[in-house]
Amino acid sequence: MQSKPPNVANQFYPGDPNELSMMVAGLMEKSPKTNRLPKAMIVPHAGLIYSGYTASCAYQVLQAHADQIRRVVLIGPSHHFKFSGIAVTSFNYFETPLGRVAIDIDYMPALASLVGVTVSNQAFEKEHCLEVQLPFLQALLPNFKLIPAIISDASPDLVARFLLKVWGGDETLILVSSDLSHYHSYAEAQRIDQATASAIVTTDIKGVRPETACGSRGINGLLTLANERDMRMELIDLRNSGDTAGDKSRVVGYGAYYCFENKKVTQLLTLARSAIDYGCIHHAPMPLPDGPLEDLLNQPGNCFVTIEKNGQLRGCIGTIIGKDTLAQDIINNAYKAAFKDPRFPPLTADEFAQCDIHISILTPPHEMTFQSEADLLTQLQPGKDGLILKTNTHQGVFLPSVWDKFSEPQEFLKALKQKAGLPSDYWSSDICMYRYYSQEY
């Protein structure tokens, strides 16, 4: 098993385990307390004497939820290597003076299969932006696995798709590592960092740039999801090195932020999980629960429910056109995805504890018009279009999320034909294609 030694012990934090433990404990003791656990955090990554207090203001909430968090997704910017996309690792462990942190290595093949994501241990060499977070996690969380990723030249959409893949439920915490402005005067840094903080809390992607936040790509990926899922960003702490251990002539800015899920999204996913829990116990679909539901759930709607284990498909069933309310459709499809997908054996309760749930709410499909296969390909929108292919005898459906595995429309279409039971090079005038979109949760 590969274990990665620390890069910056004795530089960004003490190399002595006792001294490091005392330092983290001291920072946590000073930070203000809150109990509401966010889904995601933005935290700084300078030396602990500089940004440790700001980081501790974010991390202190984990003290009240230590047994809940079993997986931490940690992303940050590459400071030493330039490459395209996002890098994950094949290391089994990351080391700090406090011991080893287990990598969720079973998840890596699924992540590496995404377009724009590669396995590169080199990307983690010399890097500090993830490592300085680990002592806090080791001190606060008794039993978690880590999914680390380094971002270089990646679009907000790519980062958002990556995060959506690992989003998980209440057991998963998302961390985005970033400092703010670099090497301005104290007053100028305050002005710049206040503007960046305002952009983050208002989910304004254009207001967060590489020159104002070194982890802007990770931040903007999170903000992309925040806009799509109507999540709320909250500023927790904002200061710079001139407020901590540095002088005020040339400072670096630090901010801590929380990202809270929308109640609607929480209820969607809770409904799907409850339906599967009920099925594990009663071996039957769950009745529609009593009590108030979000307006969206009471309206007619169609969805797909996808179950993944270690990022790999474990079941997927959906409705393209139906008459049920969205709540009933989620319950029905969650049950079928778990227990009735013919590609898999029925899900067990023990296995379900290791699975993630994704819900895709569909728009009504609309028939496309095209003169040829080439014409069709020019109309496809990678990353956005869901497609239904129909012939007189065959049918296949791809969700927009399937684009994660294909970089070109031609490859997407070939795979859809095969999904429908047709040869990848099949073309005929009897092909009908319907386009729809989905909101992913």
Protein backbone atom coordinates (compact mmCIF):
# COMPACT_ATOMS: atom_id res chain seq x y z
CA MET A 1 0.00 0.00 0.00
CA GLN A 2 1.29 3.44 -0.95
CA SER A 3 1.50 6.03 1.79
CA LYS A 4 2.40 9.63 0.99
CA PRO A 5 4.66 11.38 3.52
CA PRO A 6 3.93 15.01 4.42
CA ASN A 7 5.23 17.78 2.20
CA VAL A 8 5.23 20.75 4.56
CA ALA A 9 5.61 19.52 8.15
CA ASN A 10 7.90 21.88 10.08
CA GLN A 11 7.11 24.56 7.50
CA PHE A 12 3.37 25.20 7.50
CA TYR A 13 2.72 23.48 10.84
CA PRO A 14 4.78 21.83 13.62
CA GLY A 15 6.41 18.51 12.79
CA ASP A 16 6.19 17.32 16.39
CA PRO A 17 2.85 15.53 16.96
CA ASN A 18 2.38 16.81 20.51
CA GLU A 19 3.12 20.38 19.50
CA LEU A 20 0.80 20.09 16.50
CA SER A 21 -2.03 18.62 18.60
CA MET A 22 -1.69 21.41 21.14
CA MET A 23 -1.67 24.03 18.40
CA VAL A 24 -4.86 22.70 16.79
CA ALA A 25 -6.56 22.37 20.19
CA GLY A 26 -5.60 25.94 21.05
CA LEU A 27 -7.01 27.26 17.79
CA MET A 28 -10.24 25.33 18.28
CA GLU A 29 -10.61 26.64 21.83
CA LYS A 30 -10.43 30.25 20.63
CA SER A 31 -12.90 29.94 17.73
CA PRO A 32 -16.60 30.83 18.15
CA LYS A 33 -18.99 27.89 18.34
CA THR A 34 -21.95 26.95 16.17
CA ASN A 35 -23.90 23.71 15.75
CA ARG A 36 -25.48 23.80 12.29
CA LEU A 37 -23.41 21.59 9.99
CA PRO A 38 -22.96 22.91 6.44
CA LYS A 39 -22.72 20.70 3.39
CA ALA A 40 -19.53 22.40 2.22
CA MET A 41 -16.88 24.76 3.52
CA ILE A 42 -14.28 27.06 2.00
CA VAL A 43 -11.16 27.15 4.18
CA PRO A 44 -7.72 28.82 3.87
CA HIS A 45 -4.44 26.94 3.52
CA ALA A 46 -1.53 29.08 4.70
CA GLY A 47 0.77 28.20 7.59
CA LEU A 48 -1.27 27.60 10.72
CA ILE A 49 0.21 30.60 12.51
CA TYR A 50 -1.25 32.76 9.74
CA SER A 51 -4.56 31.20 8.66
CA GLY A 52 -5.15 28.59 11.38
CA TYR A 53 -7.59 30.73 13.34
CA THR A 54 -9.77 31.40 10.29
CA ALA A 55 -9.71 27.70 9.41
CA SER A 56 -10.63 26.76 12.99
CA CYS A 57 -13.67 29.07 12.82
CA ALA A 58 -14.97 26.82 10.04
CA TYR A 59 -13.86 23.49 11.48
CA GLN A 60 -15.20 23.96 15.01
CA VAL A 61 -18.71 22.89 13.93
CA LEU A 62 -17.37 19.38 13.34
CA GLN A 63 -17.05 18.88 17.10
CA ALA A 64 -20.82 18.51 17.34
CA HIS A 65 -21.03 16.16 14.33
CA ALA A 66 -17.86 14.10 14.66
CA ASP A 67 -19.55 10.70 14.40
CA GLN A 68 -21.68 11.71 11.41
CA ILE A 69 -18.94 12.56 8.90
CA ARG A 70 -17.44 9.44 7.33
CA ARG A 71 -16.15 10.90 4.06
CA VAL A 72 -14.40 14.21 3.37
CA VAL A 73 -13.95 15.50 -0.18
CA LEU A 74 -11.02 17.93 -0.20
CA ILE A 75 -10.16 19.96 -3.30
CA GLY A 76 -7.60 22.69 -3.80
CA PRO A 77 -5.48 24.47 -6.41
CA SER A 78 -2.18 23.28 -7.83
CA HIS A 79 0.65 25.60 -6.80
CA HIS A 80 3.55 23.71 -8.43
CA PHE A 81 2.35 21.79 -11.50
CA LYS A 82 0.21 22.94 -14.42
CA PHE A 83 -2.00 20.37 -16.12
CA SER A 84 -5.40 20.09 -17.70
CA GLY A 85 -8.37 19.32 -15.50
CA ILE A 86 -8.46 17.66 -12.08
CA ALA A 87 -6.03 15.15 -10.57
CA VAL A 88 -6.88 12.38 -8.12
CA THR A 89 -4.44 10.00 -6.48
CA SER A 90 -3.57 6.31 -6.23
CA PHE A 91 -2.06 6.71 -2.75
CA ASN A 92 -3.76 4.67 -0.03
CA TYR A 93 -2.84 7.08 2.75
CA PHE A 94 -1.70 10.64 3.36
CA GLU A 95 0.57 11.08 6.37
CA THR A 96 0.95 13.92 8.86
CA PRO A 97 2.74 13.96 12.21
CA LEU A 98 -0.62 12.94 13.74
CA GLY A 99 -0.72 9.68 11.76
CA ARG A 100 -2.18 8.37 8.53
CA VAL A 101 -5.36 9.51 6.79
CA ALA A 102 -7.04 6.77 4.76
CA ILE A 103 -7.88 7.60 1.14
CA ASP A 104 -11.22 6.33 -0.17
CA ILE A 105 -9.29 4.43 -2.81
CA ASP A 106 -12.32 2.39 -3.94
CA TYR A 107 -13.85 5.60 -5.27
CA MET A 108 -10.90 6.56 -7.45
CA PRO A 109 -11.64 4.42 -10.55
CA ALA A 110 -15.08 6.03 -10.90
CA LEU A 111 -13.60 9.51 -10.57
CA ALA A 112 -10.78 8.77 -13.00
CA SER A 113 -13.37 7.69 -15.59
CA LEU A 114 -14.82 11.21 -15.72
CA VAL A 115 -13.77 13.34 -18.67
CA GLY A 116 -11.21 15.86 -17.44
CA VAL A 117 -10.09 13.82 -14.41
CA THR A 118 -6.79 11.91 -14.30
CA VAL A 119 -4.78 9.97 -11.74
CA SER A 120 -1.55 11.83 -11.01
CA ASN A 121 0.39 11.39 -7.78
CA GLN A 122 2.85 14.00 -9.03
CA ALA A 123 0.16 16.67 -8.71
CA PHE A 124 0.20 16.11 -4.94
CA GLU A 125 3.98 16.42 -4.56
CA LYS A 126 5.17 19.65 -2.89
CA GLU A 127 1.53 20.70 -2.52
CA HIS A 128 0.39 22.24 0.77
CA CYS A 129 -3.21 23.30 0.10
CA LEU A 130 -4.72 19.95 1.10
CA GLU A 131 -2.15 18.85 3.65
CA VAL A 132 -2.65 21.78 6.04
CA GLN A 133 -6.32 20.80 6.42
CA LEU A 134 -5.54 17.28 7.59
CA PRO A 135 -4.48 18.01 11.20
CA PHE A 136 -7.86 19.65 11.85
CA LEU A 137 -9.70 16.68 10.37
CA GLN A 138 -7.56 14.19 12.28
CA ALA A 139 -8.19 16.02 15.55
CA LEU A 140 -11.95 16.32 15.07
CA LEU A 141 -13.18 13.30 13.09
CA PRO A 142 -12.62 9.82 14.56
CA ASN A 143 -13.52 7.76 11.51
CA PHE A 144 -13.40 9.21 8.01
CA LYS A 145 -11.94 8.53 4.60
CA LEU A 146 -10.58 11.22 2.31
CA ILE A 147 -11.21 11.94 -1.37
CA PRO A 148 -8.46 14.44 -2.30
CA ALA A 149 -8.24 16.27 -5.62
CA ILE A 150 -5.93 18.91 -7.06
CA ILE A 151 -7.34 21.39 -9.58
CA SER A 152 -5.27 23.03 -12.29
CA ASP A 153 -6.83 24.21 -15.55
CA ALA A 154 -10.45 23.18 -14.94
CA SER A 155 -13.69 24.98 -15.77
CA PRO A 156 -16.32 25.66 -13.08
CA ASP A 157 -18.60 23.17 -14.84
CA LEU A 158 -15.97 20.41 -14.63
CA VAL A 159 -15.39 21.09 -10.95
CA ALA A 160 -19.16 21.16 -10.35
CA ARG A 161 -19.61 17.80 -12.09
CA PHE A 162 -16.76 16.35 -10.02
CA LEU A 163 -18.32 17.60 -6.80
CA LEU A 164 -21.75 16.32 -7.80
CA LYS A 165 -20.26 12.87 -8.33
CA VAL A 166 -18.98 12.76 -4.74
CA TRP A 167 -21.66 14.93 -3.11
CA GLY A 168 -23.13 12.10 -1.06
CA GLY A 169 -25.48 12.63 1.86
CA ASP A 170 -25.14 13.68 5.48
CA GLU A 171 -22.06 11.48 5.82
CA THR A 172 -20.06 13.52 3.29
CA LEU A 173 -18.41 16.89 3.87
CA ILE A 174 -17.07 18.97 0.97
CA LEU A 175 -14.01 21.17 1.61
CA VAL A 176 -12.67 23.74 -0.85
CA SER A 177 -9.19 25.01 0.01
CA SER A 178 -8.29 28.58 -0.98
CA ASP A 179 -6.56 31.69 0.27
CA LEU A 180 -7.64 35.12 -0.94
CA SER A 181 -5.59 38.08 -2.22
CA HIS A 182 -1.79 37.89 -2.14
CA TYR A 183 0.87 40.46 -1.24
CA HIS A 184 -1.07 43.71 -1.16
CA SER A 185 -0.95 46.32 1.55
CA TYR A 186 -3.23 45.71 4.53
CA ALA A 187 -5.82 48.27 3.45
CA GLU A 188 -5.81 47.19 -0.19
CA ALA A 189 -6.13 43.53 0.79
CA GLN A 190 -9.11 44.35 2.99
CA ARG A 191 -10.82 46.10 0.08
CA ILE A 192 -10.14 43.25 -2.37
CA ASP A 193 -11.07 40.50 0.08
CA GLN A 194 -14.31 42.20 1.09
CA ALA A 195 -15.31 42.31 -2.58
CA THR A 196 -14.43 38.62 -2.99
CA ALA A 197 -16.37 37.73 0.15
CA SER A 198 -19.38 39.58 -1.21
CA ALA A 199 -19.11 37.67 -4.49
CA ILE A 200 -18.93 34.34 -2.67
CA VAL A 201 -21.93 34.92 -0.41
CA THR A 202 -23.98 36.14 -3.39
CA THR A 203 -22.73 33.19 -5.52
CA ASP A 204 -21.33 35.57 -8.13
CA ILE A 205 -18.86 33.46 -10.12
CA LYS A 206 -17.54 36.43 -12.09
CA GLY A 207 -16.49 38.10 -8.86
CA VAL A 208 -14.07 35.33 -7.83
CA ARG A 209 -10.94 35.34 -9.97
CA PRO A 210 -7.49 33.70 -9.79
CA GLU A 211 -5.88 36.99 -8.79
CA THR A 212 -8.30 37.40 -5.86
CA ALA A 213 -8.47 33.76 -4.70
CA CYS A 214 -5.86 31.14 -5.59
CA GLY A 215 -8.51 28.43 -5.29
CA SER A 216 -10.97 30.31 -7.50
CA ARG A 217 -11.59 27.30 -9.73
CA GLY A 218 -12.68 25.17 -6.79
CA ILE A 219 -14.72 28.01 -5.32
CA ASN A 220 -16.46 28.69 -8.62
CA GLY A 221 -17.23 25.01 -9.06
CA LEU A 222 -18.96 25.07 -5.67
CA LEU A 223 -20.74 28.32 -6.51
CA THR A 224 -21.96 26.79 -9.77
CA LEU A 225 -23.67 24.06 -7.77
CA ALA A 226 -24.90 26.60 -5.24
CA ASN A 227 -26.66 28.49 -8.02
CA GLU A 228 -28.07 25.33 -9.59
CA ARG A 229 -29.33 23.92 -6.27
CA ASP A 230 -30.33 27.21 -4.62
CA MET A 231 -27.84 26.76 -1.78
CA ARG A 232 -26.88 29.52 0.63
CA MET A 233 -23.33 30.74 1.26
CA GLU A 234 -22.40 32.30 4.60
CA LEU A 235 -19.26 34.17 5.64
CA ILE A 236 -17.76 32.77 8.86
CA ASP A 237 -14.49 34.68 9.22
CA LEU A 238 -12.45 37.13 7.15
CA ARG A 239 -9.01 38.51 7.96
CA ASN A 240 -5.46 38.54 6.63
CA SER A 241 -1.95 37.77 7.77
CA GLY A 242 -1.61 41.32 9.07
CA ASP A 243 -4.24 40.40 11.68
CA THR A 244 -2.40 37.27 12.80
CA ALA A 245 1.36 36.67 12.59
CA GLY A 246 2.52 38.90 9.74
CA ASP A 247 3.24 42.58 9.23
CA LYS A 248 0.79 44.81 7.40
CA SER A 249 2.94 45.92 4.49
CA ARG A 250 2.44 42.79 2.37
CA VAL A 251 -0.35 40.47 3.42
CA VAL A 252 -2.32 37.39 2.32
CA GLY A 253 -6.09 37.20 2.81
CA TYR A 254 -8.01 34.36 4.44
CA GLY A 255 -11.72 33.62 4.49
CA ALA A 256 -13.92 30.84 5.84
CA TYR A 257 -17.38 30.19 4.40
CA TYR A 258 -20.20 27.70 4.87
CA CYS A 259 -22.48 26.37 2.14
CA PHE A 260 -25.91 25.18 3.28
CA GLU A 261 -28.21 22.89 1.30
CA ASN A 262 -31.65 24.11 0.31
CA LYS A 263 -34.46 22.53 2.35
CA LYS A 264 -36.09 21.39 -0.89
CA VAL A 265 -33.00 19.41 -1.91
CA THR A 266 -32.68 17.87 1.53
CA GLN A 267 -36.29 16.69 1.39
CA LEU A 268 -35.86 15.21 -2.10
CA LEU A 269 -32.90 13.09 -1.05
CA THR A 270 -34.42 12.17 2.32
CA LEU A 271 -37.54 10.92 0.55
CA ALA A 272 -35.48 8.68 -1.76
CA ARG A 273 -33.38 7.32 1.11
CA SER A 274 -36.46 6.70 3.24
CA ALA A 275 -38.08 4.78 0.38
CA ILE A 276 -35.05 2.49 0.14
CA ASP A 277 -34.78 2.06 3.92
CA TYR A 278 -38.46 1.11 3.98
CA GLY A 279 -37.93 -1.36 1.13
CA CYS A 280 -35.02 -3.02 2.93
CA ILE A 281 -37.27 -3.67 5.95
CA HIS A 282 -40.70 -4.29 4.42
CA HIS A 283 -39.78 -5.53 0.91
CA ALA A 284 -42.46 -3.27 -0.54
CA PRO A 285 -42.78 0.31 -1.79
CA MET A 286 -43.14 2.98 0.90
CA PRO A 287 -46.50 4.77 1.20
CA LEU A 288 -46.45 8.50 0.63
CA PRO A 289 -45.57 9.98 4.04
CA ASP A 290 -47.92 12.19 6.01
CA GLY A 291 -46.90 15.75 6.71
CA PRO A 292 -46.11 18.81 4.63
CA LEU A 293 -43.93 18.56 1.55
CA GLU A 294 -42.15 21.21 -0.47
CA ASP A 295 -44.36 22.60 -3.27
CA LEU A 296 -42.15 21.03 -5.93
CA LEU A 297 -42.83 17.55 -4.52
CA ASN A 298 -46.61 18.02 -4.64
CA GLN A 299 -46.58 18.92 -8.33
CA PRO A 300 -46.57 16.42 -11.22
CA GLY A 301 -43.02 15.47 -12.09
CA ASN A 302 -40.76 12.81 -13.52
CA CYS A 303 -37.38 11.72 -12.27
CA PHE A 304 -34.61 9.16 -12.42
CA VAL A 305 -33.11 7.80 -9.21
CA THR A 306 -29.52 6.58 -9.51
CA ILE A 307 -27.73 4.56 -6.85
CA GLU A 308 -23.93 4.44 -6.87
CA LYS A 309 -21.50 2.43 -4.78
CA ASN A 310 -17.95 3.80 -4.74
CA GLY A 311 -18.96 5.98 -7.66
CA GLN A 312 -20.02 2.98 -9.77
CA LEU A 313 -23.58 2.35 -10.92
CA ARG A 314 -25.57 0.11 -8.56
CA GLY A 315 -29.07 0.78 -9.87
CA CYS A 316 -30.96 3.33 -11.95
CA ILE A 317 -34.66 3.53 -12.77
CA GLY A 318 -36.69 6.49 -13.96
CA THR A 319 -39.83 7.83 -15.55
CA ILE A 320 -39.76 9.82 -18.78
CA ILE A 321 -43.45 10.64 -18.91
CA GLY A 322 -45.83 9.99 -16.04
CA LYS A 323 -48.79 11.36 -14.11
CA ASP A 324 -47.67 11.01 -10.49
CA THR A 325 -46.56 13.80 -8.23
CA LEU A 326 -42.80 14.19 -8.03
CA ALA A 327 -42.85 12.85 -4.46
CA GLN A 328 -44.58 9.64 -5.56
CA ASP A 329 -42.28 9.30 -8.57
CA ILE A 330 -39.20 9.59 -6.35
CA ILE A 331 -40.55 6.93 -3.98
CA ASN A 332 -41.43 4.55 -6.83
CA ASN A 333 -38.15 4.95 -8.69
CA ALA A 334 -35.98 4.81 -5.58
CA TYR A 335 -37.59 1.49 -4.67
CA LYS A 336 -37.22 0.12 -8.20
CA ALA A 337 -33.61 1.30 -8.56
CA ALA A 338 -32.71 -0.45 -5.31
CA PHE A 339 -34.65 -3.68 -5.69
CA LYS A 340 -35.97 -4.09 -9.24
CA ASP A 341 -33.16 -3.06 -11.60
CA PRO A 342 -32.62 -6.30 -13.59
CA ARG A 343 -28.90 -5.57 -13.95
CA PHE A 344 -28.25 -5.94 -10.22
CA PRO A 345 -29.31 -8.08 -7.26
CA PRO A 346 -31.62 -6.43 -4.74
CA LEU A 347 -29.85 -3.96 -2.49
CA THR A 348 -29.22 -5.01 1.11
CA ALA A 349 -29.33 -2.70 4.11
CA ASP A 350 -25.61 -3.17 4.75
CA GLU A 351 -24.78 -2.36 1.13
CA PHE A 352 -27.08 0.66 1.10
CA ALA A 353 -25.00 2.20 3.90
CA GLN A 354 -22.12 2.37 1.39
CA CYS A 355 -24.16 3.94 -1.44
CA ASP A 356 -24.87 7.43 -2.73
CA ILE A 357 -28.21 8.57 -4.14
CA HIS A 358 -28.64 10.94 -7.08
CA ILE A 359 -31.97 12.31 -8.29
CA SER A 360 -32.46 13.76 -11.77
CA ILE A 361 -35.66 15.77 -12.23
CA LEU A 362 -36.56 15.84 -15.91
CA THR A 363 -38.10 18.44 -18.15
CA PRO A 364 -40.67 17.22 -20.71
CA PRO A 365 -38.94 15.74 -23.78
CA HIS A 366 -39.21 17.49 -27.14
CA GLU A 367 -38.67 15.84 -30.50
CA MET A 368 -35.63 17.02 -32.44
CA THR A 369 -35.58 17.63 -36.18
CA PHE A 370 -32.51 16.75 -38.24
CA GLN A 371 -31.65 15.77 -41.80
CA SER A 372 -28.83 13.34 -41.10
CA GLU A 373 -26.67 11.92 -38.34
CA ALA A 374 -24.12 14.66 -38.98
CA ASP A 375 -26.85 17.28 -38.62
CA LEU A 376 -27.99 15.70 -35.35
CA LEU A 377 -24.45 15.72 -33.95
CA THR A 378 -24.09 19.45 -34.59
CA GLN A 379 -27.20 20.09 -32.48
CA LEU A 380 -26.11 18.17 -29.40
CA GLN A 381 -25.02 20.14 -26.33
CA PRO A 382 -22.42 18.20 -24.32
CA GLY A 383 -23.10 18.21 -20.62
CA LYS A 384 -26.64 19.56 -21.03
CA ASP A 385 -28.74 17.30 -23.26
CA GLY A 386 -30.50 14.19 -22.12
CA LEU A 387 -31.53 12.07 -25.10
CA ILE A 388 -34.19 9.49 -25.88
CA LEU A 389 -33.53 7.45 -29.01
CA LYS A 390 -36.48 5.59 -30.53
CA THR A 391 -36.89 3.38 -33.57
CA ASN A 392 -39.79 1.15 -34.53
CA THR A 393 -38.33 -1.64 -32.40
CA HIS A 394 -35.74 -0.15 -30.03
CA GLN A 395 -35.42 2.57 -27.41
CA GLY A 396 -32.57 3.94 -25.30
CA VAL A 397 -32.28 6.76 -22.77
CA PHE A 398 -29.23 8.69 -21.56
CA LEU A 399 -29.33 11.23 -18.75
CA PRO A 400 -27.29 14.43 -19.17
CA SER A 401 -24.93 13.12 -16.50
CA VAL A 402 -23.75 10.41 -18.92
CA TRP A 403 -21.79 13.15 -20.73
CA ASP A 404 -19.29 12.87 -17.87
CA LYS A 405 -17.90 9.79 -19.62
CA PHE A 406 -17.77 11.19 -23.16
CA SER A 407 -15.90 14.17 -24.55
CA GLU A 408 -17.43 14.10 -28.06
CA PRO A 409 -21.07 14.01 -29.25
CA GLN A 410 -20.26 11.19 -31.68
CA GLU A 411 -19.10 8.92 -28.85
CA PHE A 412 -22.16 9.82 -26.79
CA LEU A 413 -24.48 8.93 -29.67
CA LYS A 414 -22.68 5.66 -30.41
CA ALA A 415 -23.05 4.59 -26.79
CA LEU A 416 -26.73 5.57 -26.79
CA LYS A 417 -27.34 3.37 -29.82
CA GLN A 418 -25.69 0.47 -28.06
CA LYS A 419 -27.78 1.15 -24.96
CA ALA A 420 -30.85 0.84 -27.20
CA GLY A 421 -29.60 -2.52 -28.49
CA LEU A 422 -28.46 -1.18 -31.86
CA PRO A 423 -25.04 -1.30 -33.53
CA SER A 424 -22.97 1.81 -32.80
CA ASP A 425 -22.87 2.67 -36.52
CA TYR A 426 -26.62 2.16 -37.06
CA TRP A 427 -28.48 4.89 -38.91
CA SER A 428 -31.95 4.84 -40.43
CA SER A 429 -34.76 7.20 -41.30
CA ASP A 430 -36.87 5.56 -38.57
CA ILE A 431 -34.69 7.05 -35.81
CA CYS A 432 -36.49 9.60 -33.67
CA MET A 433 -34.60 11.63 -31.09
CA TYR A 434 -36.06 13.51 -28.14
CA ARG A 435 -34.15 16.04 -26.10
CA TYR A 436 -34.77 16.85 -22.45
CA TYR A 437 -32.88 18.48 -19.60
CA SER A 438 -32.52 17.58 -15.97
CA GLN A 439 -31.75 19.17 -12.64
CA GLU A 440 -29.33 16.99 -10.72
CA TYR A 441 -29.53 16.47 -6.97
